[in-house]
């Protein structure tokens, strides 16, 4: 499991810190729907999402790449909980490419 990084200073400008989180729902047939949302912490803008029955670390990285391409830059920090998709080596490698900081929210403290 990845070591949690303490909360870094607040976002200083747009695209500085992106927060990632999952939402879960089901369709009218009872099939699970998983949504990965990405928010810009400075502007509070919803910058992207992906939805599917399952979303793994590779899908999260693909989502981040698409958003970074659309916005012309990667964030300095990505903030998320310690879910398996977020602590994966796949996401760690993506973050390391341009020294993006992975800031993990402490378990049981979603207000962080």
PDB file of N, CA and C in Angstrom:
ATOM      1  N   UNK A   1       0.842  -1.176   0.000  1.00  0.00           N
ATOM      2  CA  UNK A   1       0.000   0.000   0.000  1.00  0.00           C
ATOM      3  C   UNK A   1       0.888   1.240   0.000  1.00  0.00           C
ATOM      4  N   UNK A   2       0.478   2.267  -0.706  1.00  0.00           N
ATOM      5  CA  UNK A   2       1.255   3.493  -0.793  1.00  0.00           C
ATOM      6  C   UNK A   2       1.248   4.230   0.538  1.00  0.00           C
ATOM      7  N   UNK A   3       2.341   4.923   0.819  1.00  0.00           N
ATOM      8  CA  UNK A   3       2.393   5.745   2.022  1.00  0.00           C
ATOM      9  C   UNK A   3       1.570   6.993   1.790  1.00  0.00           C
ATOM     10  N   UNK A   4       0.671   7.338   2.720  1.00  0.00           N
ATOM     11  CA  UNK A   4      -0.118   8.551   2.540  1.00  0.00           C
ATOM     12  C   UNK A   4       0.781   9.786   2.566  1.00  0.00           C
ATOM     13  N   UNK A   5       0.547  10.685   1.639  1.00  0.00           N
ATOM     14  CA  UNK A   5       1.250  11.957   1.618  1.00  0.00           C
ATOM     15  C   UNK A   5       0.371  12.961   2.343  1.00  0.00           C
ATOM     16  N   UNK A   6       0.920  13.714   3.282  1.00  0.00           N
ATOM     17  CA  UNK A   6       0.083  14.686   3.984  1.00  0.00           C
ATOM     18  C   UNK A   6      -0.547  15.679   3.004  1.00  0.00           C
ATOM     19  N   UNK A   7      -1.647  16.226   3.415  1.00  0.00           N
ATOM     20  CA  UNK A   7      -2.328  17.217   2.575  1.00  0.00           C
ATOM     21  C   UNK A   7      -1.363  18.339   2.248  1.00  0.00           C
ATOM     22  N   UNK A   8      -1.236  18.629   0.981  1.00  0.00           N
ATOM     23  CA  UNK A   8      -0.370  19.715   0.541  1.00  0.00           C
ATOM     24  C   UNK A   8      -1.144  21.023   0.623  1.00  0.00           C
ATOM     25  N   UNK A   9      -0.448  22.120   0.449  1.00  0.00           N
ATOM     26  CA  UNK A   9      -1.118  23.419   0.519  1.00  0.00           C
ATOM     27  C   UNK A   9      -2.261  23.478  -0.493  1.00  0.00           C
ATOM     28  N   UNK A  10      -3.220  24.360  -0.258  1.00  0.00           N
ATOM     29  CA  UNK A  10      -4.372  24.469  -1.161  1.00  0.00           C
ATOM     30  C   UNK A  10      -3.946  24.826  -2.585  1.00  0.00           C
ATOM     31  N   UNK A  11      -4.811  24.526  -3.524  1.00  0.00           N
ATOM     32  CA  UNK A  11      -4.551  24.856  -4.918  1.00  0.00           C
ATOM     33  C   UNK A  11      -4.346  26.356  -5.066  1.00  0.00           C
ATOM     34  N   UNK A  12      -3.348  26.736  -5.862  1.00  0.00           N
ATOM     35  CA  UNK A  12      -3.008  28.145  -6.036  1.00  0.00           C
ATOM     36  C   UNK A  12      -3.568  28.739  -7.322  1.00  0.00           C
ATOM     37  N   UNK A  13      -3.949  27.886  -8.267  1.00  0.00           N
ATOM     38  CA  UNK A  13      -4.455  28.355  -9.556  1.00  0.00           C
ATOM     39  C   UNK A  13      -5.189  27.199 -10.236  1.00  0.00           C
ATOM     40  N   UNK A  14      -5.906  27.473 -11.323  1.00  0.00           N
ATOM     41  CA  UNK A  14      -6.572  26.391 -12.039  1.00  0.00           C
ATOM     42  C   UNK A  14      -5.568  25.326 -12.484  1.00  0.00           C
ATOM     43  N   UNK A  15      -5.991  24.085 -12.476  1.00  0.00           N
ATOM     44  CA  UNK A  15      -5.190  22.927 -12.882  1.00  0.00           C
ATOM     45  C   UNK A  15      -4.023  22.627 -11.953  1.00  0.00           C
ATOM     46  N   UNK A  16      -3.980  23.222 -10.782  1.00  0.00           N
ATOM     47  CA  UNK A  16      -2.909  22.981  -9.830  1.00  0.00           C
ATOM     48  C   UNK A  16      -3.146  21.681  -9.061  1.00  0.00           C
ATOM     49  N   UNK A  17      -4.371  21.488  -8.556  1.00  0.00           N
ATOM     50  CA  UNK A  17      -4.726  20.291  -7.793  1.00  0.00           C
ATOM     51  C   UNK A  17      -6.033  19.726  -8.346  1.00  0.00           C
ATOM     52  N   UNK A  18      -5.978  18.454  -8.715  1.00  0.00           N
ATOM     53  CA  UNK A  18      -7.186  17.759  -9.137  1.00  0.00           C
ATOM     54  C   UNK A  18      -7.546  16.733  -8.078  1.00  0.00           C
ATOM     55  N   UNK A  19      -8.819  16.658  -7.709  1.00  0.00           N
ATOM     56  CA  UNK A  19      -9.313  15.672  -6.746  1.00  0.00           C
ATOM     57  C   UNK A  19     -10.072  14.588  -7.506  1.00  0.00           C
ATOM     58  N   UNK A  20      -9.796  13.339  -7.167  1.00  0.00           N
ATOM     59  CA  UNK A  20     -10.435  12.196  -7.813  1.00  0.00           C
ATOM     60  C   UNK A  20     -11.260  11.432  -6.787  1.00  0.00           C
ATOM     61  N   UNK A  21     -12.428  10.976  -7.209  1.00  0.00           N
ATOM     62  CA  UNK A  21     -13.238  10.146  -6.330  1.00  0.00           C
ATOM     63  C   UNK A  21     -14.223   9.340  -7.163  1.00  0.00           C
ATOM     64  N   UNK A  22     -14.734   8.282  -6.549  1.00  0.00           N
ATOM     65  CA  UNK A  22     -15.707   7.415  -7.206  1.00  0.00           C
ATOM     66  C   UNK A  22     -17.098   7.636  -6.644  1.00  0.00           C
ATOM     67  N   UNK A  23     -18.087   7.445  -7.499  1.00  0.00           N
ATOM     68  CA  UNK A  23     -19.489   7.375  -7.120  1.00  0.00           C
ATOM     69  C   UNK A  23     -20.010   6.040  -7.631  1.00  0.00           C
ATOM     70  N   UNK A  24     -20.981   5.488  -6.937  1.00  0.00           N
ATOM     71  CA  UNK A  24     -21.541   4.200  -7.326  1.00  0.00           C
ATOM     72  C   UNK A  24     -23.048   4.309  -7.423  1.00  0.00           C
ATOM     73  N   UNK A  25     -23.612   3.612  -8.399  1.00  0.00           N
ATOM     74  CA  UNK A  25     -25.058   3.590  -8.583  1.00  0.00           C
ATOM     75  C   UNK A  25     -25.397   2.295  -9.313  1.00  0.00           C
ATOM     76  N   UNK A  26     -26.648   2.149  -9.680  1.00  0.00           N
ATOM     77  CA  UNK A  26     -27.048   1.008 -10.493  1.00  0.00           C
ATOM     78  C   UNK A  26     -28.116   1.460 -11.473  1.00  0.00           C
ATOM     79  N   UNK A  27     -28.220   0.731 -12.586  1.00  0.00           N
ATOM     80  CA  UNK A  27     -29.245   1.067 -13.564  1.00  0.00           C
ATOM     81  C   UNK A  27     -30.555   0.371 -13.196  1.00  0.00           C
ATOM     82  N   UNK A  28     -31.567   0.534 -14.024  1.00  0.00           N
ATOM     83  CA  UNK A  28     -32.876   0.000 -13.684  1.00  0.00           C
ATOM     84  C   UNK A  28     -32.917  -1.530 -13.719  1.00  0.00           C
ATOM     85  N   UNK A  29     -31.882  -2.166 -14.277  1.00  0.00           N
ATOM     86  CA  UNK A  29     -31.779  -3.629 -14.253  1.00  0.00           C
ATOM     87  C   UNK A  29     -30.983  -4.117 -13.038  1.00  0.00           C
ATOM     88  N   UNK A  30     -30.496  -3.184 -12.226  1.00  0.00           N
ATOM     89  CA  UNK A  30     -29.720  -3.550 -11.053  1.00  0.00           C
ATOM     90  C   UNK A  30     -28.232  -3.730 -11.305  1.00  0.00           C
ATOM     91  N   UNK A  31     -27.784  -3.434 -12.531  1.00  0.00           N
ATOM     92  CA  UNK A  31     -26.351  -3.552 -12.833  1.00  0.00           C
ATOM     93  C   UNK A  31     -25.599  -2.367 -12.241  1.00  0.00           C
ATOM     94  N   UNK A  32     -24.428  -2.647 -11.705  1.00  0.00           N
ATOM     95  CA  UNK A  32     -23.614  -1.610 -11.064  1.00  0.00           C
ATOM     96  C   UNK A  32     -23.058  -0.620 -12.078  1.00  0.00           C
ATOM     97  N   UNK A  33     -23.010   0.621 -11.652  1.00  0.00           N
ATOM     98  CA  UNK A  33     -22.389   1.690 -12.430  1.00  0.00           C
ATOM     99  C   UNK A  33     -21.372   2.354 -11.518  1.00  0.00           C
ATOM    100  N   UNK A  34     -20.160   2.501 -12.010  1.00  0.00           N
ATOM    101  CA  UNK A  34     -19.083   3.148 -11.256  1.00  0.00           C
ATOM    102  C   UNK A  34     -18.648   4.376 -12.050  1.00  0.00           C
ATOM    103  N   UNK A  35     -18.549   5.515 -11.378  1.00  0.00           N
ATOM    104  CA  UNK A  35     -18.164   6.764 -12.022  1.00  0.00           C
ATOM    105  C   UNK A  35     -16.925   7.316 -11.322  1.00  0.00           C
ATOM    106  N   UNK A  36     -15.899   7.623 -12.092  1.00  0.00           N
ATOM    107  CA  UNK A  36     -14.710   8.286 -11.553  1.00  0.00           C
ATOM    108  C   UNK A  36     -14.788   9.748 -11.971  1.00  0.00           C
ATOM    109  N   UNK A  37     -14.880  10.633 -10.985  1.00  0.00           N
ATOM    110  CA  UNK A  37     -14.978  12.068 -11.226  1.00  0.00           C
ATOM    111  C   UNK A  37     -13.651  12.751 -10.916  1.00  0.00           C
ATOM    112  N   UNK A  38     -13.343  13.791 -11.682  1.00  0.00           N
ATOM    113  CA  UNK A  38     -12.147  14.599 -11.444  1.00  0.00           C
ATOM    114  C   UNK A  38     -12.588  16.054 -11.329  1.00  0.00           C
ATOM    115  N   UNK A  39     -12.205  16.678 -10.215  1.00  0.00           N
ATOM    116  CA  UNK A  39     -12.559  18.076  -9.949  1.00  0.00           C
ATOM    117  C   UNK A  39     -11.292  18.921  -9.830  1.00  0.00           C
ATOM    118  N   UNK A  40     -11.354  20.153 -10.297  1.00  0.00           N
ATOM    119  CA  UNK A  40     -10.271  21.108 -10.087  1.00  0.00           C
ATOM    120  C   UNK A  40     -10.537  21.773  -8.740  1.00  0.00           C
ATOM    121  N   UNK A  41      -9.617  21.622  -7.782  1.00  0.00           N
ATOM    122  CA  UNK A  41      -9.862  22.164  -6.440  1.00  0.00           C
ATOM    123  C   UNK A  41      -9.866  23.684  -6.390  1.00  0.00           C
ATOM    124  N   UNK A  42      -9.183  24.351  -7.295  1.00  0.00           N
ATOM    125  CA  UNK A  42      -9.146  25.816  -7.263  1.00  0.00           C
ATOM    126  C   UNK A  42     -10.455  26.412  -7.779  1.00  0.00           C
ATOM    127  N   UNK A  43     -10.903  25.939  -8.943  1.00  0.00           N
ATOM    128  CA  UNK A  43     -12.111  26.495  -9.567  1.00  0.00           C
ATOM    129  C   UNK A  43     -13.383  25.771  -9.149  1.00  0.00           C
ATOM    130  N   UNK A  44     -13.244  24.586  -8.539  1.00  0.00           N
ATOM    131  CA  UNK A  44     -14.357  23.696  -8.190  1.00  0.00           C
ATOM    132  C   UNK A  44     -15.084  23.201  -9.442  1.00  0.00           C
ATOM    133  N   UNK A  45     -14.407  23.259 -10.568  1.00  0.00           N
ATOM    134  CA  UNK A  45     -14.949  22.810 -11.845  1.00  0.00           C
ATOM    135  C   UNK A  45     -14.817  21.294 -11.963  1.00  0.00           C
ATOM    136  N   UNK A  46     -15.859  20.665 -12.461  1.00  0.00           N
ATOM    137  CA  UNK A  46     -15.810  19.237 -12.775  1.00  0.00           C
ATOM    138  C   UNK A  46     -15.107  19.131 -14.119  1.00  0.00           C
ATOM    139  N   UNK A  47     -13.886  18.587 -14.140  1.00  0.00           N
ATOM    140  CA  UNK A  47     -13.081  18.613 -15.363  1.00  0.00           C
ATOM    141  C   UNK A  47     -13.180  17.339 -16.187  1.00  0.00           C
ATOM    142  N   UNK A  48     -13.711  16.279 -15.606  1.00  0.00           N
ATOM    143  CA  UNK A  48     -13.870  15.069 -16.400  1.00  0.00           C
ATOM    144  C   UNK A  48     -14.381  13.904 -15.587  1.00  0.00           C
ATOM    145  N   UNK A  49     -14.836  12.872 -16.305  1.00  0.00           N
ATOM    146  CA  UNK A  49     -15.307  11.664 -15.646  1.00  0.00           C
ATOM    147  C   UNK A  49     -15.279  10.514 -16.636  1.00  0.00           C
ATOM    148  N   UNK A  50     -15.332   9.324 -16.093  1.00  0.00           N
ATOM    149  CA  UNK A  50     -15.561   8.128 -16.887  1.00  0.00           C
ATOM    150  C   UNK A  50     -16.539   7.264 -16.106  1.00  0.00           C
ATOM    151  N   UNK A  51     -17.384   6.551 -16.819  1.00  0.00           N
ATOM    152  CA  UNK A  51     -18.381   5.686 -16.187  1.00  0.00           C
ATOM    153  C   UNK A  51     -18.369   4.330 -16.875  1.00  0.00           C
ATOM    154  N   UNK A  52     -18.465   3.282 -16.062  1.00  0.00           N
ATOM    155  CA  UNK A  52     -18.479   1.919 -16.587  1.00  0.00           C
ATOM    156  C   UNK A  52     -18.908   0.987 -15.459  1.00  0.00           C
ATOM    157  N   UNK A  53     -19.067  -0.285 -15.777  1.00  0.00           N
ATOM    158  CA  UNK A  53     -19.408  -1.233 -14.716  1.00  0.00           C
ATOM    159  C   UNK A  53     -18.201  -1.495 -13.817  1.00  0.00           C
ATOM    160  N   UNK A  54     -17.008  -1.411 -14.364  1.00  0.00           N
ATOM    161  CA  UNK A  54     -15.774  -1.502 -13.593  1.00  0.00           C
ATOM    162  C   UNK A  54     -14.792  -0.462 -14.113  1.00  0.00           C
ATOM    163  N   UNK A  55     -14.015   0.112 -13.220  1.00  0.00           N
ATOM    164  CA  UNK A  55     -12.983   1.077 -13.602  1.00  0.00           C
ATOM    165  C   UNK A  55     -11.724   0.689 -12.847  1.00  0.00           C
ATOM    166  N   UNK A  56     -10.682   0.342 -13.599  1.00  0.00           N
ATOM    167  CA  UNK A  56      -9.424  -0.039 -12.967  1.00  0.00           C
ATOM    168  C   UNK A  56      -8.421   1.112 -13.063  1.00  0.00           C
ATOM    169  N   UNK A  57      -7.223   0.879 -12.569  1.00  0.00           N
ATOM    170  CA  UNK A  57      -6.193   1.918 -12.551  1.00  0.00           C
ATOM    171  C   UNK A  57      -5.844   2.394 -13.959  1.00  0.00           C
ATOM    172  N   UNK A  58      -5.816   1.485 -14.921  1.00  0.00           N
ATOM    173  CA  UNK A  58      -5.501   1.874 -16.304  1.00  0.00           C
ATOM    174  C   UNK A  58      -6.556   2.841 -16.844  1.00  0.00           C
ATOM    175  N   UNK A  59      -7.825   2.627 -16.510  1.00  0.00           N
ATOM    176  CA  UNK A  59      -8.892   3.531 -16.947  1.00  0.00           C
ATOM    177  C   UNK A  59      -8.760   4.898 -16.283  1.00  0.00           C
ATOM    178  N   UNK A  60      -8.331   4.915 -15.015  1.00  0.00           N
ATOM    179  CA  UNK A  60      -8.116   6.181 -14.314  1.00  0.00           C
ATOM    180  C   UNK A  60      -6.984   6.958 -14.986  1.00  0.00           C
ATOM    181  N   UNK A  61      -5.892   6.273 -15.315  1.00  0.00           N
ATOM    182  CA  UNK A  61      -4.761   6.924 -15.991  1.00  0.00           C
ATOM    183  C   UNK A  61      -5.180   7.445 -17.359  1.00  0.00           C
ATOM    184  N   UNK A  62      -5.957   6.658 -18.089  1.00  0.00           N
ATOM    185  CA  UNK A  62      -6.435   7.108 -19.399  1.00  0.00           C
ATOM    186  C   UNK A  62      -7.294   8.368 -19.255  1.00  0.00           C
ATOM    187  N   UNK A  63      -8.169   8.393 -18.256  1.00  0.00           N
ATOM    188  CA  UNK A  63      -8.990   9.574 -17.995  1.00  0.00           C
ATOM    189  C   UNK A  63      -8.112  10.789 -17.702  1.00  0.00           C
ATOM    190  N   UNK A  64      -7.123  10.622 -16.834  1.00  0.00           N
ATOM    191  CA  UNK A  64      -6.232  11.738 -16.499  1.00  0.00           C
ATOM    192  C   UNK A  64      -5.450  12.222 -17.719  1.00  0.00           C
ATOM    193  N   UNK A  65      -5.005  11.303 -18.563  1.00  0.00           N
ATOM    194  CA  UNK A  65      -4.285  11.691 -19.784  1.00  0.00           C
ATOM    195  C   UNK A  65      -5.173  12.505 -20.719  1.00  0.00           C
ATOM    196  N   UNK A  66      -6.418  12.071 -20.879  1.00  0.00           N
ATOM    197  CA  UNK A  66      -7.357  12.790 -21.753  1.00  0.00           C
ATOM    198  C   UNK A  66      -7.600  14.206 -21.210  1.00  0.00           C
ATOM    199  N   UNK A  67      -7.845  14.309 -19.917  1.00  0.00           N
ATOM    200  CA  UNK A  67      -8.101  15.628 -19.316  1.00  0.00           C
ATOM    201  C   UNK A  67      -6.870  16.513 -19.445  1.00  0.00           C
ATOM    202  N   UNK A  68      -5.695  15.972 -19.157  1.00  0.00           N
ATOM    203  CA  UNK A  68      -4.457  16.758 -19.266  1.00  0.00           C
ATOM    204  C   UNK A  68      -4.242  17.229 -20.700  1.00  0.00           C
ATOM    205  N   UNK A  69      -4.535  16.381 -21.662  1.00  0.00           N
ATOM    206  CA  UNK A  69      -4.399  16.765 -23.077  1.00  0.00           C
ATOM    207  C   UNK A  69      -5.387  17.878 -23.428  1.00  0.00           C
ATOM    208  N   UNK A  70      -6.632  17.743 -22.994  1.00  0.00           N
ATOM    209  CA  UNK A  70      -7.651  18.764 -23.270  1.00  0.00           C
ATOM    210  C   UNK A  70      -7.302  20.101 -22.621  1.00  0.00           C
ATOM    211  N   UNK A  71      -6.715  20.064 -21.424  1.00  0.00           N
ATOM    212  CA  UNK A  71      -6.426  21.285 -20.668  1.00  0.00           C
ATOM    213  C   UNK A  71      -5.020  21.821 -20.929  1.00  0.00           C
ATOM    214  N   UNK A  72      -4.208  21.042 -21.638  1.00  0.00           N
ATOM    215  CA  UNK A  72      -2.874  21.496 -21.995  1.00  0.00           C
ATOM    216  C   UNK A  72      -1.831  21.359 -20.906  1.00  0.00           C
ATOM    217  N   UNK A  73      -2.165  20.680 -19.816  1.00  0.00           N
ATOM    218  CA  UNK A  73      -1.197  20.467 -18.747  1.00  0.00           C
ATOM    219  C   UNK A  73      -1.719  19.449 -17.751  1.00  0.00           C
ATOM    220  N   UNK A  74      -0.776  18.895 -17.010  1.00  0.00           N
ATOM    221  CA  UNK A  74      -1.106  18.009 -15.902  1.00  0.00           C
ATOM    222  C   UNK A  74      -1.183  18.829 -14.624  1.00  0.00           C
ATOM    223  N   UNK A  75      -1.857  18.297 -13.615  1.00  0.00           N
ATOM    224  CA  UNK A  75      -1.876  19.005 -12.333  1.00  0.00           C
ATOM    225  C   UNK A  75      -0.554  18.803 -11.592  1.00  0.00           C
ATOM    226  N   UNK A  76      -0.279  19.681 -10.657  1.00  0.00           N
ATOM    227  CA  UNK A  76       0.883  19.520  -9.782  1.00  0.00           C
ATOM    228  C   UNK A  76       0.605  18.415  -8.773  1.00  0.00           C
ATOM    229  N   UNK A  77      -0.669  18.322  -8.337  1.00  0.00           N
ATOM    230  CA  UNK A  77      -1.078  17.362  -7.314  1.00  0.00           C
ATOM    231  C   UNK A  77      -2.375  16.683  -7.747  1.00  0.00           C
ATOM    232  N   UNK A  78      -2.466  15.373  -7.501  1.00  0.00           N
ATOM    233  CA  UNK A  78      -3.745  14.674  -7.582  1.00  0.00           C
ATOM    234  C   UNK A  78      -4.064  14.197  -6.170  1.00  0.00           C
ATOM    235  N   UNK A  79      -5.265  14.532  -5.709  1.00  0.00           N
ATOM    236  CA  UNK A  79      -5.683  14.185  -4.348  1.00  0.00           C
ATOM    237  C   UNK A  79      -6.776  13.121  -4.439  1.00  0.00           C
ATOM    238  N   UNK A  80      -6.656  12.074  -3.632  1.00  0.00           N
ATOM    239  CA  UNK A  80      -7.610  10.980  -3.683  1.00  0.00           C
ATOM    240  C   UNK A  80      -7.551  10.168  -2.406  1.00  0.00           C
ATOM    241  N   UNK A  81      -8.477   9.226  -2.264  1.00  0.00           N
ATOM    242  CA  UNK A  81      -8.432   8.337  -1.108  1.00  0.00           C
ATOM    243  C   UNK A  81      -7.470   7.185  -1.396  1.00  0.00           C
ATOM    244  N   UNK A  82      -7.433   6.210  -0.516  1.00  0.00           N
ATOM    245  CA  UNK A  82      -6.506   5.088  -0.657  1.00  0.00           C
ATOM    246  C   UNK A  82      -7.127   3.879  -1.349  1.00  0.00           C
ATOM    247  N   UNK A  83      -8.061   4.122  -2.247  1.00  0.00           N
ATOM    248  CA  UNK A  83      -8.689   3.019  -2.972  1.00  0.00           C
ATOM    249  C   UNK A  83      -7.678   2.288  -3.843  1.00  0.00           C
ATOM    250  N   UNK A  84      -7.946   1.021  -4.156  1.00  0.00           N
ATOM    251  CA  UNK A  84      -6.979   0.221  -4.911  1.00  0.00           C
ATOM    252  C   UNK A  84      -6.636   0.793  -6.289  1.00  0.00           C
ATOM    253  N   UNK A  85      -7.580   1.473  -6.924  1.00  0.00           N
ATOM    254  CA  UNK A  85      -7.306   2.067  -8.229  1.00  0.00           C
ATOM    255  C   UNK A  85      -6.322   3.225  -8.108  1.00  0.00           C
ATOM    256  N   UNK A  86      -6.324   3.880  -6.946  1.00  0.00           N
ATOM    257  CA  UNK A  86      -5.516   5.078  -6.755  1.00  0.00           C
ATOM    258  C   UNK A  86      -4.124   4.789  -6.180  1.00  0.00           C
ATOM    259  N   UNK A  87      -3.956   3.674  -5.472  1.00  0.00           N
ATOM    260  CA  UNK A  87      -2.644   3.370  -4.893  1.00  0.00           C
ATOM    261  C   UNK A  87      -1.852   2.416  -5.787  1.00  0.00           C
ATOM    262  N   UNK A  88      -2.337   2.171  -6.968  1.00  0.00           N
ATOM    263  CA  UNK A  88      -1.717   1.204  -7.871  1.00  0.00           C
ATOM    264  C   UNK A  88      -0.383   1.706  -8.427  1.00  0.00           C
ATOM    265  N   UNK A  89       0.430   0.766  -8.859  1.00  0.00           N
ATOM    266  CA  UNK A  89       1.698   1.102  -9.499  1.00  0.00           C
ATOM    267  C   UNK A  89       1.459   1.817 -10.831  1.00  0.00           C
ATOM    268  N   UNK A  90       0.347   1.510 -11.488  1.00  0.00           N
ATOM    269  CA  UNK A  90       0.014   2.161 -12.754  1.00  0.00           C
ATOM    270  C   UNK A  90      -0.133   3.666 -12.561  1.00  0.00           C
ATOM    271  N   UNK A  91      -0.878   4.075 -11.548  1.00  0.00           N
ATOM    272  CA  UNK A  91      -1.061   5.499 -11.279  1.00  0.00           C
ATOM    273  C   UNK A  91       0.216   6.122 -10.720  1.00  0.00           C
ATOM    274  N   UNK A  92       0.971   5.375  -9.914  1.00  0.00           N
ATOM    275  CA  UNK A  92       2.243   5.884  -9.405  1.00  0.00           C
ATOM    276  C   UNK A  92       3.198   6.189 -10.557  1.00  0.00           C
ATOM    277  N   UNK A  93       3.239   5.311 -11.555  1.00  0.00           N
ATOM    278  CA  UNK A  93       4.099   5.530 -12.724  1.00  0.00           C
ATOM    279  C   UNK A  93       3.665   6.759 -13.501  1.00  0.00           C
ATOM    280  N   UNK A  94       2.338   6.919 -13.679  1.00  0.00           N
ATOM    281  CA  UNK A  94       1.822   8.095 -14.390  1.00  0.00           C
ATOM    282  C   UNK A  94       2.241   9.366 -13.660  1.00  0.00           C
ATOM    283  N   UNK A  95       2.074   9.392 -12.361  1.00  0.00           N
ATOM    284  CA  UNK A  95       2.410  10.573 -11.568  1.00  0.00           C
ATOM    285  C   UNK A  95       3.905  10.861 -11.613  1.00  0.00           C
ATOM    286  N   UNK A  96       4.720   9.834 -11.602  1.00  0.00           N
ATOM    287  CA  UNK A  96       6.175  10.010 -11.584  1.00  0.00           C
ATOM    288  C   UNK A  96       6.721  10.574 -12.887  1.00  0.00           C
ATOM    289  N   UNK A  97       6.003  10.402 -13.992  1.00  0.00           N
ATOM    290  CA  UNK A  97       6.484  10.884 -15.294  1.00  0.00           C
ATOM    291  C   UNK A  97       6.802  12.369 -15.276  1.00  0.00           C
ATOM    292  N   UNK A  98       5.985  13.155 -14.591  1.00  0.00           N
ATOM    293  CA  UNK A  98       6.215  14.602 -14.526  1.00  0.00           C
ATOM    294  C   UNK A  98       6.192  15.103 -13.092  1.00  0.00           C
ATOM    295  N   UNK A  99       6.540  14.209 -12.175  1.00  0.00           N
ATOM    296  CA  UNK A  99       6.645  14.541 -10.756  1.00  0.00           C
ATOM    297  C   UNK A  99       5.367  15.123 -10.163  1.00  0.00           C
ATOM    298  N   UNK A 100       4.232  14.575 -10.583  1.00  0.00           N
ATOM    299  CA  UNK A 100       2.954  14.939  -9.984  1.00  0.00           C
ATOM    300  C   UNK A 100       2.895  14.326  -8.594  1.00  0.00           C
ATOM    301  N   UNK A 101       2.502  15.100  -7.606  1.00  0.00           N
ATOM    302  CA  UNK A 101       2.406  14.620  -6.232  1.00  0.00           C
ATOM    303  C   UNK A 101       1.085  13.878  -6.059  1.00  0.00           C
ATOM    304  N   UNK A 102       1.142  12.703  -5.438  1.00  0.00           N
ATOM    305  CA  UNK A 102      -0.059  11.968  -5.088  1.00  0.00           C
ATOM    306  C   UNK A 102      -0.330  12.233  -3.613  1.00  0.00           C
ATOM    307  N   UNK A 103      -1.389  12.970  -3.319  1.00  0.00           N
ATOM    308  CA  UNK A 103      -1.758  13.286  -1.941  1.00  0.00           C
ATOM    309  C   UNK A 103      -2.958  12.431  -1.573  1.00  0.00           C
ATOM    310  N   UNK A 104      -2.781  11.556  -0.594  1.00  0.00           N
ATOM    311  CA  UNK A 104      -3.849  10.646  -0.192  1.00  0.00           C
ATOM    312  C   UNK A 104      -4.597  11.195   1.010  1.00  0.00           C
ATOM    313  N   UNK A 105      -5.910  11.122   0.928  1.00  0.00           N
ATOM    314  CA  UNK A 105      -6.775  11.547   2.017  1.00  0.00           C
ATOM    315  C   UNK A 105      -6.700  10.479   3.106  1.00  0.00           C
ATOM    316  N   UNK A 106      -6.497  10.865   4.354  1.00  0.00           N
ATOM    317  CA  UNK A 106      -6.435   9.861   5.426  1.00  0.00           C
ATOM    318  C   UNK A 106      -7.739   9.059   5.501  1.00  0.00           C
ATOM    319  N   UNK A 107      -7.645   7.742   5.719  1.00  0.00           N
ATOM    320  CA  UNK A 107      -8.857   6.910   5.816  1.00  0.00           C
ATOM    321  C   UNK A 107      -9.820   7.445   6.875  1.00  0.00           C
ATOM    322  N   UNK A 108     -11.100   7.477   6.526  1.00  0.00           N
ATOM    323  CA  UNK A 108     -12.122   7.922   7.451  1.00  0.00           C
ATOM    324  C   UNK A 108     -12.180   9.426   7.657  1.00  0.00           C
ATOM    325  N   UNK A 109     -11.492  10.199   6.805  1.00  0.00           N
ATOM    326  CA  UNK A 109     -11.467  11.661   6.949  1.00  0.00           C
ATOM    327  C   UNK A 109     -11.762  12.320   5.593  1.00  0.00           C
ATOM    328  N   UNK A 110     -12.964  12.113   5.016  1.00  0.00           N
ATOM    329  CA  UNK A 110     -13.250  12.621   3.682  1.00  0.00           C
ATOM    330  C   UNK A 110     -13.234  14.155   3.570  1.00  0.00           C
ATOM    331  N   UNK A 111     -13.311  14.861   4.700  1.00  0.00           N
ATOM    332  CA  UNK A 111     -13.283  16.319   4.632  1.00  0.00           C
ATOM    333  C   UNK A 111     -11.916  16.841   4.238  1.00  0.00           C
ATOM    334  N   UNK A 112     -10.908  15.991   4.240  1.00  0.00           N
ATOM    335  CA  UNK A 112      -9.578  16.398   3.802  1.00  0.00           C
ATOM    336  C   UNK A 112      -9.560  16.437   2.294  1.00  0.00           C
TER     337      UNK A 112
END
